[in-house]
């Protein structure tokens, strides 16, 4: 068992066939191999009914979404098949709303590093400001470890390699006591979506070694947290919300 352990925010019961957990930083959301220690396997040890659910992958059971290993915050896991199916449908319909908080640096992206010119950049002097960013995504870098936004500004090759679906991030930037803060909201998410969109606007997350060129090994960690989400209850259909 890892020294990093999950916290139970909402335990499952007869009325709530799902579990909400808080995942700490440096703990993976899902296993690469059966039995590997991660947030999901820790939850399944506490609530074995999770293992009866057939999800996107056999070893992911009722996990509805992931967080990057270095991102801390809330995860949702279904504990019955009917709940998983209902929650998956809510996701597909754009009704699973997820919110994130980040502390950011101000650094313009390197356009020679696969980024196109961003039509959504925000001037610090205009803060606070809210912007809606929409793009497709393509894999980038060695073994596709990163992603890059793709819009109509990109060339034919980038468009051909991009996801078919458009992904949207609503970002509100403010000046706080500890620097520039970002509140971000998404419904349908792509890998690294929020982190990449923030970097594209010129405000990469502090401590982000993938998208922030100023990140140092001495940094405390990724200053990025999944703070809350809301979704239609899989039994009643009423919107429920959870906050870290």
Protein backbone atom coordinates (compact mmCIF):
# COMPACT_ATOMS: atom_id res chain seq x y z
CA UNK A 1 0.00 0.00 0.00
CA UNK A 2 1.26 3.47 -0.91
CA UNK A 3 1.91 6.05 1.79
CA UNK A 4 -0.58 8.14 -0.18
CA UNK A 5 -4.13 7.22 0.72
CA UNK A 6 -7.55 8.36 -0.40
CA UNK A 7 -10.15 10.14 1.73
CA UNK A 8 -13.81 9.14 1.50
CA UNK A 9 -16.05 12.14 0.83
CA UNK A 10 -19.28 10.20 0.14
CA UNK A 11 -19.61 6.52 0.98
CA UNK A 12 -22.06 4.43 -1.06
CA UNK A 13 -25.38 3.30 0.42
CA UNK A 14 -28.78 2.13 -0.76
CA UNK A 15 -29.75 5.63 -1.86
CA UNK A 16 -26.38 6.60 -3.35
CA UNK A 17 -24.84 3.84 -5.53
CA UNK A 18 -21.54 5.65 -5.96
CA UNK A 19 -18.53 6.74 -3.94
CA UNK A 20 -16.80 10.12 -4.03
CA UNK A 21 -13.16 10.11 -2.96
CA UNK A 22 -10.40 12.68 -2.59
CA UNK A 23 -7.20 11.58 -4.32
CA UNK A 24 -3.92 12.99 -3.01
CA UNK A 25 -1.11 14.20 -5.22
CA UNK A 26 1.34 11.55 -6.53
CA UNK A 27 -1.24 8.73 -6.44
CA UNK A 28 -2.51 7.38 -9.76
CA UNK A 29 -6.25 7.38 -10.39
CA UNK A 30 -6.41 3.94 -12.04
CA UNK A 31 -4.10 0.91 -12.29
CA UNK A 32 -2.07 -0.04 -15.32
CA UNK A 33 -2.11 -3.65 -14.12
CA UNK A 34 -4.52 -5.65 -11.96
CA UNK A 35 -3.96 -5.02 -8.25
CA UNK A 36 -1.60 -2.06 -8.69
CA UNK A 37 -1.95 0.46 -5.86
CA UNK A 38 -3.90 3.52 -6.91
CA UNK A 39 -6.95 5.54 -5.87
CA UNK A 40 -9.35 3.08 -7.51
CA UNK A 41 -7.89 -0.06 -5.94
CA UNK A 42 -7.84 1.59 -2.53
CA UNK A 43 -11.53 2.45 -2.93
CA UNK A 44 -12.31 -1.10 -4.11
CA UNK A 45 -10.69 -2.55 -1.00
CA UNK A 46 -13.09 -0.49 1.12
CA UNK A 47 -16.12 -1.05 -1.11
CA UNK A 48 -15.76 -4.40 -2.97
CA UNK A 49 -19.01 -3.83 -4.90
CA UNK A 50 -16.99 -1.50 -7.13
CA UNK A 51 -15.47 -4.62 -8.72
CA UNK A 52 -18.88 -5.82 -9.93
CA UNK A 53 -19.14 -2.88 -12.33
CA UNK A 54 -18.00 -3.18 -15.95
CA UNK A 55 -16.55 0.16 -17.06
CA UNK A 56 -14.48 1.52 -19.92
CA UNK A 57 -11.71 -0.94 -19.11
CA UNK A 58 -11.99 -4.22 -17.24
CA UNK A 59 -9.58 -3.13 -14.48
CA UNK A 60 -11.19 0.30 -14.09
CA UNK A 61 -14.55 -1.06 -12.86
CA UNK A 62 -16.92 1.84 -12.08
CA UNK A 63 -14.40 4.70 -12.38
CA UNK A 64 -16.13 7.52 -14.27
CA UNK A 65 -13.11 9.77 -14.94
CA UNK A 66 -9.44 10.21 -14.12
CA UNK A 67 -7.13 12.81 -12.66
CA UNK A 68 -3.48 13.07 -13.63
CA UNK A 69 -1.23 11.44 -11.03
CA UNK A 70 0.14 14.81 -9.89
CA UNK A 71 -3.35 16.35 -9.66
CA UNK A 72 -5.16 16.06 -6.34
CA UNK A 73 -8.90 16.23 -5.92
CA UNK A 74 -12.26 14.55 -6.31
CA UNK A 75 -13.02 11.33 -8.20
CA UNK A 76 -16.37 9.62 -8.79
CA UNK A 77 -16.79 5.82 -8.85
CA UNK A 78 -20.05 3.95 -9.45
CA UNK A 79 -20.83 0.94 -7.23
CA UNK A 80 -23.60 -0.62 -9.37
CA UNK A 81 -23.87 -1.23 -13.10
CA UNK A 82 -27.08 0.75 -13.42
CA UNK A 83 -25.49 3.74 -11.69
CA UNK A 84 -22.44 3.51 -13.94
CA UNK A 85 -24.60 3.38 -17.06
CA UNK A 86 -26.67 6.39 -15.93
CA UNK A 87 -23.62 8.43 -14.95
CA UNK A 88 -21.88 7.56 -18.23
CA UNK A 89 -24.92 8.82 -20.12
CA UNK A 90 -24.82 12.05 -18.11
CA UNK A 91 -21.16 12.45 -19.06
CA UNK A 92 -21.93 11.90 -22.73
CA UNK A 93 -24.69 14.51 -22.51
CA UNK A 94 -22.35 17.13 -21.02
CA UNK A 95 -24.10 17.10 -17.64
CA UNK A 96 -21.10 16.05 -15.52
CA UNK A 97 -19.56 19.42 -14.62
CA UNK A 98 -16.03 19.48 -13.13
CA UNK A 99 -14.25 22.44 -11.53
CA UNK A 100 -10.55 23.00 -10.95
CA UNK A 101 -8.37 25.56 -9.18
CA UNK A 102 -4.81 26.45 -10.16
CA UNK A 103 -2.03 28.87 -9.28
CA UNK A 104 -0.41 30.05 -12.51
CA UNK A 105 2.69 31.73 -13.86
CA UNK A 106 2.55 34.19 -16.75
CA UNK A 107 4.59 32.83 -19.65
CA UNK A 108 3.73 33.04 -23.34
CA UNK A 109 3.81 29.61 -24.98
CA UNK A 110 6.68 28.72 -27.31
CA UNK A 111 5.07 28.62 -30.74
CA UNK A 112 8.01 26.54 -32.02
CA UNK A 113 7.01 23.87 -29.51
CA UNK A 114 3.85 22.77 -31.27
CA UNK A 115 1.50 25.52 -30.06
CA UNK A 116 -0.46 27.57 -32.56
CA UNK A 117 -1.05 31.26 -31.85
CA UNK A 118 -3.77 31.36 -29.22
CA UNK A 119 -6.83 33.48 -30.07
CA UNK A 120 -7.83 33.46 -26.38
CA UNK A 121 -4.86 35.13 -24.66
CA UNK A 122 -5.58 37.32 -21.63
CA UNK A 123 -3.67 40.43 -20.57
CA UNK A 124 -2.76 40.58 -16.88
CA UNK A 125 -3.92 44.19 -16.74
CA UNK A 126 -7.42 43.08 -17.66
CA UNK A 127 -7.83 40.70 -14.69
CA UNK A 128 -10.17 39.49 -13.43
CA UNK A 129 -11.39 38.09 -16.71
CA UNK A 130 -13.29 35.04 -17.93
CA UNK A 131 -12.70 33.38 -21.28
CA UNK A 132 -14.15 30.29 -22.95
CA UNK A 133 -11.56 28.24 -24.83
CA UNK A 134 -12.58 25.62 -27.38
CA UNK A 135 -10.27 23.39 -29.40
CA UNK A 136 -9.61 19.90 -30.59
CA UNK A 137 -6.46 18.15 -29.35
CA UNK A 138 -3.62 16.12 -30.81
CA UNK A 139 -0.90 14.06 -29.20
CA UNK A 140 2.51 15.75 -29.14
CA UNK A 141 6.09 14.94 -28.17
CA UNK A 142 7.87 11.70 -27.39
CA UNK A 143 5.38 8.82 -27.18
CA UNK A 144 2.56 11.37 -27.25
CA UNK A 145 3.23 12.35 -23.63
CA UNK A 146 1.84 15.84 -24.20
CA UNK A 147 -1.11 17.31 -26.10
CA UNK A 148 -1.55 20.45 -28.18
CA UNK A 149 -4.71 22.39 -29.06
CA UNK A 150 -5.90 22.33 -32.66
CA UNK A 151 -8.17 24.96 -34.24
CA UNK A 152 -8.96 26.09 -37.75
CA UNK A 153 -5.72 28.12 -37.62
CA UNK A 154 -3.70 24.91 -37.75
CA UNK A 155 -2.52 23.24 -40.92
CA UNK A 156 -3.99 20.19 -42.60
CA UNK A 157 -1.52 17.78 -40.95
CA UNK A 158 -2.36 18.93 -37.41
CA UNK A 159 -6.09 18.80 -38.12
CA UNK A 160 -5.76 15.28 -39.49
CA UNK A 161 -4.04 14.12 -36.29
CA UNK A 162 -6.52 15.83 -33.96
CA UNK A 163 -9.48 14.48 -32.02
CA UNK A 164 -12.81 14.68 -33.82
CA UNK A 165 -14.49 16.22 -30.80
CA UNK A 166 -14.23 19.83 -29.62
CA UNK A 167 -13.37 20.40 -25.95
CA UNK A 168 -14.22 23.56 -24.00
CA UNK A 169 -12.65 25.05 -20.87
CA UNK A 170 -14.13 28.06 -19.09
CA UNK A 171 -11.32 29.94 -17.32
CA UNK A 172 -11.58 32.83 -14.87
CA UNK A 173 -8.24 34.43 -14.00
CA UNK A 174 -7.80 36.69 -10.97
CA UNK A 175 -4.94 38.29 -9.09
CA UNK A 176 -4.70 36.81 -5.59
CA UNK A 177 -2.38 37.32 -2.65
CA UNK A 178 -0.29 34.34 -3.77
CA UNK A 179 -0.22 35.24 -7.46
CA UNK A 180 -2.45 34.59 -10.43
CA UNK A 181 -5.26 32.14 -9.73
CA UNK A 182 -7.45 30.29 -12.20
CA UNK A 183 -10.89 28.77 -11.71
CA UNK A 184 -11.64 26.35 -14.55
CA UNK A 185 -14.76 24.44 -15.54
CA UNK A 186 -15.21 21.61 -18.06
CA UNK A 187 -17.82 18.98 -18.85
CA UNK A 188 -16.29 16.57 -21.38
CA UNK A 189 -12.57 16.31 -20.69
CA UNK A 190 -9.52 15.36 -22.75
CA UNK A 191 -6.18 14.29 -21.27
CA UNK A 192 -4.33 17.34 -19.85
CA UNK A 193 -7.10 19.55 -21.27
CA UNK A 194 -7.18 22.24 -18.58
CA UNK A 195 -3.41 22.33 -18.04
CA UNK A 196 -2.77 22.64 -21.78
CA UNK A 197 -5.46 25.29 -22.32
CA UNK A 198 -4.03 27.36 -19.44
CA UNK A 199 -0.52 27.14 -20.91
CA UNK A 200 -1.88 28.07 -24.33
CA UNK A 201 -3.38 31.29 -22.95
CA UNK A 202 -0.01 32.19 -21.41
CA UNK A 203 -0.81 31.11 -17.83
CA UNK A 204 0.70 27.64 -17.23
CA UNK A 205 0.14 25.95 -13.88
CA UNK A 206 2.90 26.44 -11.33
CA UNK A 207 4.99 23.29 -10.94
CA UNK A 208 3.79 21.80 -14.24
CA UNK A 209 6.87 20.14 -15.71
CA UNK A 210 5.05 19.28 -18.93
CA UNK A 211 3.53 22.63 -19.93
CA UNK A 212 5.38 25.23 -17.82
CA UNK A 213 8.97 25.90 -18.95
CA UNK A 214 9.75 27.69 -15.67
CA UNK A 215 8.87 24.71 -13.47
CA UNK A 216 11.78 23.51 -11.33
CA UNK A 217 12.50 20.23 -9.57
CA UNK A 218 12.48 22.16 -6.29
CA UNK A 219 8.83 23.17 -6.77
CA UNK A 220 6.41 21.86 -4.14
CA UNK A 221 4.36 20.11 -6.78
CA UNK A 222 1.65 20.76 -9.33
CA UNK A 223 -0.47 23.68 -8.08
CA UNK A 224 -3.63 22.21 -9.57
CA UNK A 225 -6.64 20.72 -7.78
CA UNK A 226 -9.98 19.19 -8.82
CA UNK A 227 -12.11 21.11 -6.35
CA UNK A 228 -15.73 20.18 -7.07
CA UNK A 229 -18.17 18.53 -9.45
CA UNK A 230 -21.90 18.15 -10.03
CA UNK A 231 -23.95 15.58 -11.91
CA UNK A 232 -27.49 14.18 -12.15
CA UNK A 233 -28.03 11.63 -9.38
CA UNK A 234 -28.11 8.20 -11.07
CA UNK A 235 -31.32 7.23 -9.23
CA UNK A 236 -33.32 10.43 -8.73
CA UNK A 237 -32.02 12.50 -11.64
CA UNK A 238 -31.68 15.51 -9.33
CA UNK A 239 -28.40 17.45 -9.61
CA UNK A 240 -26.01 16.72 -6.74
CA UNK A 241 -22.76 18.54 -5.99
CA UNK A 242 -19.61 17.68 -4.06
CA UNK A 243 -16.82 20.02 -3.02
CA UNK A 244 -13.35 19.28 -1.72
